[in-house]
Protein backbone atom coordinates (compact mmCIF):
# COMPACT_ATOMS: atom_id res chain seq x y z
CA MET A 1 -60.46 -175.58 -95.80
CA PRO A 2 -57.90 -175.47 -93.63
CA LYS A 3 -57.75 -173.63 -90.15
CA THR A 4 -55.38 -170.88 -90.38
CA THR A 5 -54.35 -168.57 -87.28
CA LEU A 6 -55.08 -164.62 -87.57
CA ALA A 7 -52.02 -162.48 -86.84
CA VAL A 8 -53.14 -160.19 -84.08
CA ARG A 9 -51.50 -156.97 -82.36
CA ALA A 10 -50.06 -157.59 -79.05
CA ASP A 11 -52.55 -155.31 -77.60
CA GLU A 12 -55.59 -156.89 -79.02
CA LYS A 13 -57.77 -159.99 -78.72
CA PRO A 14 -57.98 -162.54 -80.97
CA TRP A 15 -61.09 -163.06 -83.05
CA THR A 16 -63.71 -165.31 -81.64
CA ALA A 17 -64.97 -167.92 -84.17
CA ALA A 18 -68.37 -165.88 -83.95
CA GLU A 19 -66.76 -162.85 -85.29
CA ALA A 20 -64.39 -164.70 -88.14
CA LYS A 21 -67.97 -166.13 -89.03
CA ALA A 22 -69.64 -162.85 -89.20
CA VAL A 23 -66.92 -161.37 -91.02
CA ARG A 24 -66.58 -164.46 -93.37
CA THR A 25 -70.60 -164.61 -94.13
CA GLU A 26 -70.30 -160.63 -95.09
CA LEU A 27 -67.35 -161.06 -97.00
CA GLU A 28 -68.71 -163.98 -99.07
CA SER A 29 -71.85 -161.84 -99.19
CA ASP A 30 -70.15 -159.11 -100.98
CA LEU A 31 -68.53 -161.48 -103.39
CA THR A 32 -72.01 -162.97 -104.74
CA ARG A 33 -72.95 -159.26 -105.31
CA LEU A 34 -70.20 -158.00 -106.74
CA ARG A 35 -70.42 -161.05 -109.19
CA GLY A 36 -73.90 -160.30 -110.02
CA GLU A 37 -73.15 -156.77 -110.62
CA LEU A 38 -70.11 -157.87 -112.82
CA ASP A 39 -72.63 -159.93 -114.77
CA GLN A 40 -75.04 -157.52 -115.21
CA SER A 41 -72.74 -155.17 -116.59
CA ALA A 42 -71.55 -157.23 -118.75
CA ARG A 43 -74.48 -158.25 -120.42
CA GLU A 44 -75.54 -154.68 -120.58
CA LEU A 45 -72.20 -154.11 -122.49
CA GLN A 46 -73.16 -157.27 -124.78
CA ASP A 47 -77.02 -155.20 -125.27
CA LEU A 48 -75.13 -151.79 -125.65
CA LEU A 49 -72.69 -153.38 -128.70
CA ARG A 50 -75.79 -154.68 -130.32
CA ASP A 51 -77.74 -151.72 -130.42
CA VAL A 52 -74.55 -149.69 -131.87
CA LEU A 53 -74.71 -152.32 -134.38
CA ALA A 54 -78.60 -152.03 -135.20
CA VAL A 55 -78.20 -148.08 -135.11
CA HIS A 56 -75.24 -148.13 -137.88
CA HIS A 57 -76.35 -150.57 -139.97
CA PRO A 58 -78.59 -148.15 -142.53
CA GLU A 59 -75.28 -146.39 -143.03
CA VAL A 60 -73.19 -149.91 -143.35
CA GLU A 61 -75.86 -150.74 -146.36
CA ARG A 62 -75.57 -147.18 -147.75
CA ARG A 63 -72.02 -147.23 -147.42
CA GLN A 64 -72.00 -150.89 -149.09
CA ILE A 65 -69.78 -152.33 -146.32
CA GLN A 66 -69.43 -156.24 -146.05
CA LEU A 67 -70.21 -155.99 -142.06
CA THR A 68 -69.57 -159.62 -140.60
CA VAL A 69 -69.97 -159.28 -136.55
CA ASP A 70 -69.73 -162.54 -134.23
CA LEU A 71 -70.49 -161.60 -130.66
CA PRO A 72 -70.25 -164.32 -128.47
CA ASP A 73 -73.37 -166.26 -126.91
CA GLU A 74 -71.41 -165.35 -123.51
CA PRO A 75 -71.38 -162.00 -121.72
CA LEU A 76 -68.19 -160.15 -122.85
CA VAL A 77 -66.13 -159.65 -119.46
CA GLY A 78 -62.93 -158.10 -119.05
CA ALA A 79 -61.33 -155.10 -121.31
CA ALA A 80 -59.34 -157.64 -123.31
CA ALA A 81 -62.94 -159.24 -124.83
CA VAL A 82 -64.34 -155.64 -125.43
CA HIS A 83 -61.00 -154.54 -127.10
CA GLY A 84 -61.23 -158.03 -129.28
CA VAL A 85 -64.82 -157.02 -130.45
CA LEU A 86 -63.81 -153.30 -130.93
CA CYS A 87 -60.74 -154.10 -133.22
CA GLY A 88 -62.39 -156.84 -135.03
CA TRP A 89 -65.11 -154.01 -136.03
CA ARG A 90 -62.94 -151.71 -136.75
CA ARG A 91 -60.87 -153.99 -139.19
CA GLU A 92 -64.21 -154.79 -141.12
CA LEU A 93 -65.10 -151.43 -141.33
CA ASN A 94 -61.49 -150.41 -143.09
CA GLY A 95 -62.26 -153.07 -145.30
CA ALA A 96 -59.14 -155.13 -144.00
């Protein structure tokens, strides 16, 4: 990574290399933690979607609805992915 000079106000001293390293280490730690939380949330969402299907399966059978849902093996990440799955379910349930 190329070295850059951080902007410093006229009334402040530039950060020392140790201070910059400490901040970078903290930011990298936060990034790792947040990625882990996002991955966990995605797995929990996928589990929830599977649970919803399992709970509603008897009603789907009772109404003789042909329901095929393809969930990806990888976690659903982002609103667009969740929206796509839900729209697919809605189309299937409405017989489209």
